[in-house]
Amino acid sequence: MDYVSALVPPVVMAVFFIGVVRVIVKTQGGAAKAKEDAAVDAALARAENARQASAGGDA
């Protein structure tokens, strides 16, 4: 019975890990994907504009 008690924690952790991965995969995309992508694109554009403005001021 020692082997059962030795195998239970890794099996429980593996099941939990698989559950976490499934939740992460399922939450990718969906209805909010376009809004999230737009927010990331806007943030990247602001960062790029700030970088170009600082580079343009130095030149």
N, C-alpha and C. Protein backbone atom coordinates (compact mmCIF):
# COMPACT_ATOMS: atom_id res chain seq x y z
N MET A 1 0.82 -1.21 0.00
CA MET A 1 0.00 0.00 0.00
C MET A 1 0.85 1.25 0.00
N ASP A 2 2.14 1.12 0.26
CA ASP A 2 3.00 2.30 0.23
C ASP A 2 3.08 2.89 -1.17
N TYR A 3 3.02 2.04 -2.18
CA TYR A 3 3.10 2.56 -3.55
C TYR A 3 1.87 3.40 -3.88
N VAL A 4 0.72 3.08 -3.31
CA VAL A 4 -0.49 3.88 -3.57
C VAL A 4 -0.32 5.27 -2.97
N SER A 5 0.16 5.33 -1.74
CA SER A 5 0.35 6.64 -1.10
C SER A 5 1.47 7.42 -1.77
N ALA A 6 2.41 6.74 -2.41
CA ALA A 6 3.47 7.44 -3.13
C ALA A 6 2.99 7.96 -4.47
N LEU A 7 2.01 7.32 -5.08
CA LEU A 7 1.53 7.74 -6.40
C LEU A 7 0.40 8.77 -6.35
N VAL A 8 -0.31 8.84 -5.24
CA VAL A 8 -1.47 9.74 -5.17
C VAL A 8 -1.09 11.22 -5.37
N PRO A 9 -0.09 11.77 -4.67
CA PRO A 9 0.20 13.20 -4.87
C PRO A 9 0.58 13.57 -6.31
N PRO A 10 1.45 12.80 -6.99
CA PRO A 10 1.76 13.16 -8.38
C PRO A 10 0.54 13.07 -9.31
N VAL A 11 -0.31 12.08 -9.07
CA VAL A 11 -1.50 11.93 -9.91
C VAL A 11 -2.45 13.10 -9.69
N VAL A 12 -2.64 13.49 -8.44
CA VAL A 12 -3.50 14.62 -8.13
C VAL A 12 -2.94 15.90 -8.75
N MET A 13 -1.63 16.11 -8.66
CA MET A 13 -1.02 17.29 -9.24
C MET A 13 -1.13 17.27 -10.77
N ALA A 14 -0.99 16.12 -11.38
CA ALA A 14 -1.12 16.01 -12.83
C ALA A 14 -2.53 16.33 -13.28
N VAL A 15 -3.52 15.83 -12.56
CA VAL A 15 -4.91 16.12 -12.91
C VAL A 15 -5.19 17.62 -12.76
N PHE A 16 -4.70 18.21 -11.69
CA PHE A 16 -4.88 19.65 -11.48
C PHE A 16 -4.21 20.45 -12.60
N PHE A 17 -2.98 20.06 -12.97
CA PHE A 17 -2.26 20.75 -14.03
C PHE A 17 -3.00 20.66 -15.36
N ILE A 18 -3.50 19.49 -15.68
CA ILE A 18 -4.27 19.31 -16.92
C ILE A 18 -5.50 20.20 -16.89
N GLY A 19 -6.16 20.29 -15.75
CA GLY A 19 -7.33 21.16 -15.62
C GLY A 19 -6.97 22.61 -15.84
N VAL A 20 -5.86 23.05 -15.27
CA VAL A 20 -5.44 24.45 -15.45
C VAL A 20 -5.14 24.72 -16.91
N VAL A 21 -4.44 23.82 -17.57
CA VAL A 21 -4.12 24.01 -18.99
C VAL A 21 -5.39 24.07 -19.83
N ARG A 22 -6.35 23.20 -19.52
CA ARG A 22 -7.62 23.21 -20.27
C ARG A 22 -8.36 24.53 -20.09
N VAL A 23 -8.36 25.07 -18.87
CA VAL A 23 -9.03 26.35 -18.63
C VAL A 23 -8.33 27.46 -19.41
N ILE A 24 -7.01 27.46 -19.40
CA ILE A 24 -6.26 28.49 -20.13
C ILE A 24 -6.56 28.40 -21.63
N VAL A 25 -6.58 27.19 -22.17
CA VAL A 25 -6.83 27.03 -23.60
C VAL A 25 -8.26 27.44 -23.94
N LYS A 26 -9.22 27.09 -23.10
CA LYS A 26 -10.61 27.43 -23.38
C LYS A 26 -10.87 28.93 -23.30
N THR A 27 -10.13 29.65 -22.45
CA THR A 27 -10.38 31.08 -22.32
C THR A 27 -9.67 31.89 -23.39
N GLN A 28 -8.85 31.26 -24.21
CA GLN A 28 -8.23 31.98 -25.32
C GLN A 28 -9.27 32.16 -26.42
N GLY A 29 -9.37 33.35 -26.93
CA GLY A 29 -10.35 33.60 -27.97
C GLY A 29 -11.69 33.93 -27.38
N GLY A 30 -12.74 33.63 -28.09
CA GLY A 30 -14.08 33.89 -27.59
C GLY A 30 -14.53 35.30 -27.95
N ALA A 31 -15.56 35.75 -27.25
CA ALA A 31 -16.20 37.02 -27.57
C ALA A 31 -15.28 38.21 -27.27
N ALA A 32 -14.46 38.10 -26.26
CA ALA A 32 -13.62 39.24 -25.86
C ALA A 32 -12.29 39.29 -26.61
N LYS A 33 -12.03 38.33 -27.49
CA LYS A 33 -10.74 38.28 -28.17
C LYS A 33 -10.47 39.53 -28.99
N ALA A 34 -11.45 39.98 -29.74
CA ALA A 34 -11.24 41.16 -30.59
C ALA A 34 -10.96 42.39 -29.73
N LYS A 35 -11.67 42.53 -28.63
CA LYS A 35 -11.47 43.68 -27.75
C LYS A 35 -10.09 43.62 -27.10
N GLU A 36 -9.67 42.44 -26.68
CA GLU A 36 -8.34 42.29 -26.08
C GLU A 36 -7.25 42.56 -27.10
N ASP A 37 -7.43 42.05 -28.32
CA ASP A 37 -6.45 42.30 -29.37
C ASP A 37 -6.35 43.79 -29.69
N ALA A 38 -7.49 44.48 -29.72
CA ALA A 38 -7.49 45.91 -30.01
C ALA A 38 -6.77 46.67 -28.90
N ALA A 39 -6.97 46.27 -27.66
CA ALA A 39 -6.30 46.95 -26.55
C ALA A 39 -4.78 46.75 -26.63
N VAL A 40 -4.35 45.54 -26.97
CA VAL A 40 -2.92 45.28 -27.11
C VAL A 40 -2.34 46.06 -28.27
N ASP A 41 -3.05 46.09 -29.40
CA ASP A 41 -2.58 46.85 -30.56
C ASP A 41 -2.46 48.34 -30.23
N ALA A 42 -3.43 48.88 -29.49
CA ALA A 42 -3.39 50.29 -29.12
C ALA A 42 -2.20 50.57 -28.21
N ALA A 43 -1.95 49.69 -27.25
CA ALA A 43 -0.81 49.88 -26.35
C ALA A 43 0.51 49.82 -27.11
N LEU A 44 0.61 48.87 -28.04
CA LEU A 44 1.83 48.77 -28.84
C LEU A 44 2.02 50.01 -29.72
N ALA A 45 0.93 50.52 -30.27
CA ALA A 45 1.02 51.72 -31.11
C ALA A 45 1.46 52.92 -30.28
N ARG A 46 0.93 53.05 -29.06
CA ARG A 46 1.35 54.16 -28.19
C ARG A 46 2.82 54.05 -27.85
N ALA A 47 3.29 52.85 -27.57
CA ALA A 47 4.70 52.65 -27.23
C ALA A 47 5.58 52.97 -28.44
N GLU A 48 5.16 52.54 -29.61
CA GLU A 48 5.93 52.82 -30.82
C GLU A 48 5.97 54.32 -31.11
N ASN A 49 4.84 54.99 -30.96
CA ASN A 49 4.80 56.44 -31.19
C ASN A 49 5.68 57.18 -30.19
N ALA A 50 5.68 56.75 -28.94
CA ALA A 50 6.53 57.38 -27.93
C ALA A 50 8.00 57.15 -28.25
N ARG A 51 8.33 55.95 -28.72
CA ARG A 51 9.71 55.66 -29.07
C ARG A 51 10.17 56.49 -30.26
N GLN A 52 9.29 56.62 -31.26
CA GLN A 52 9.63 57.42 -32.44
C GLN A 52 9.73 58.90 -32.09
N ALA A 53 8.86 59.37 -31.21
CA ALA A 53 8.91 60.78 -30.81
C ALA A 53 10.20 61.10 -30.07
N SER A 54 10.63 60.19 -29.19
CA SER A 54 11.87 60.43 -28.46
C SER A 54 13.07 60.31 -29.40
N ALA A 55 13.01 59.41 -30.36
CA ALA A 55 14.10 59.28 -31.32
C ALA A 55 14.13 60.48 -32.27
N GLY A 56 12.97 60.97 -32.64
CA GLY A 56 12.89 62.12 -33.54
C GLY A 56 13.36 63.40 -32.86
N GLY A 57 13.15 63.51 -31.58
CA GLY A 57 13.60 64.69 -30.85
C GLY A 57 15.11 64.72 -30.68
N ASP A 58 15.74 63.57 -30.65
CA ASP A 58 17.18 63.49 -30.48
C ASP A 58 17.92 63.76 -31.79
N ALA A 59 17.28 63.51 -32.91
CA ALA A 59 17.96 63.61 -34.21
C ALA A 59 18.07 65.02 -34.69
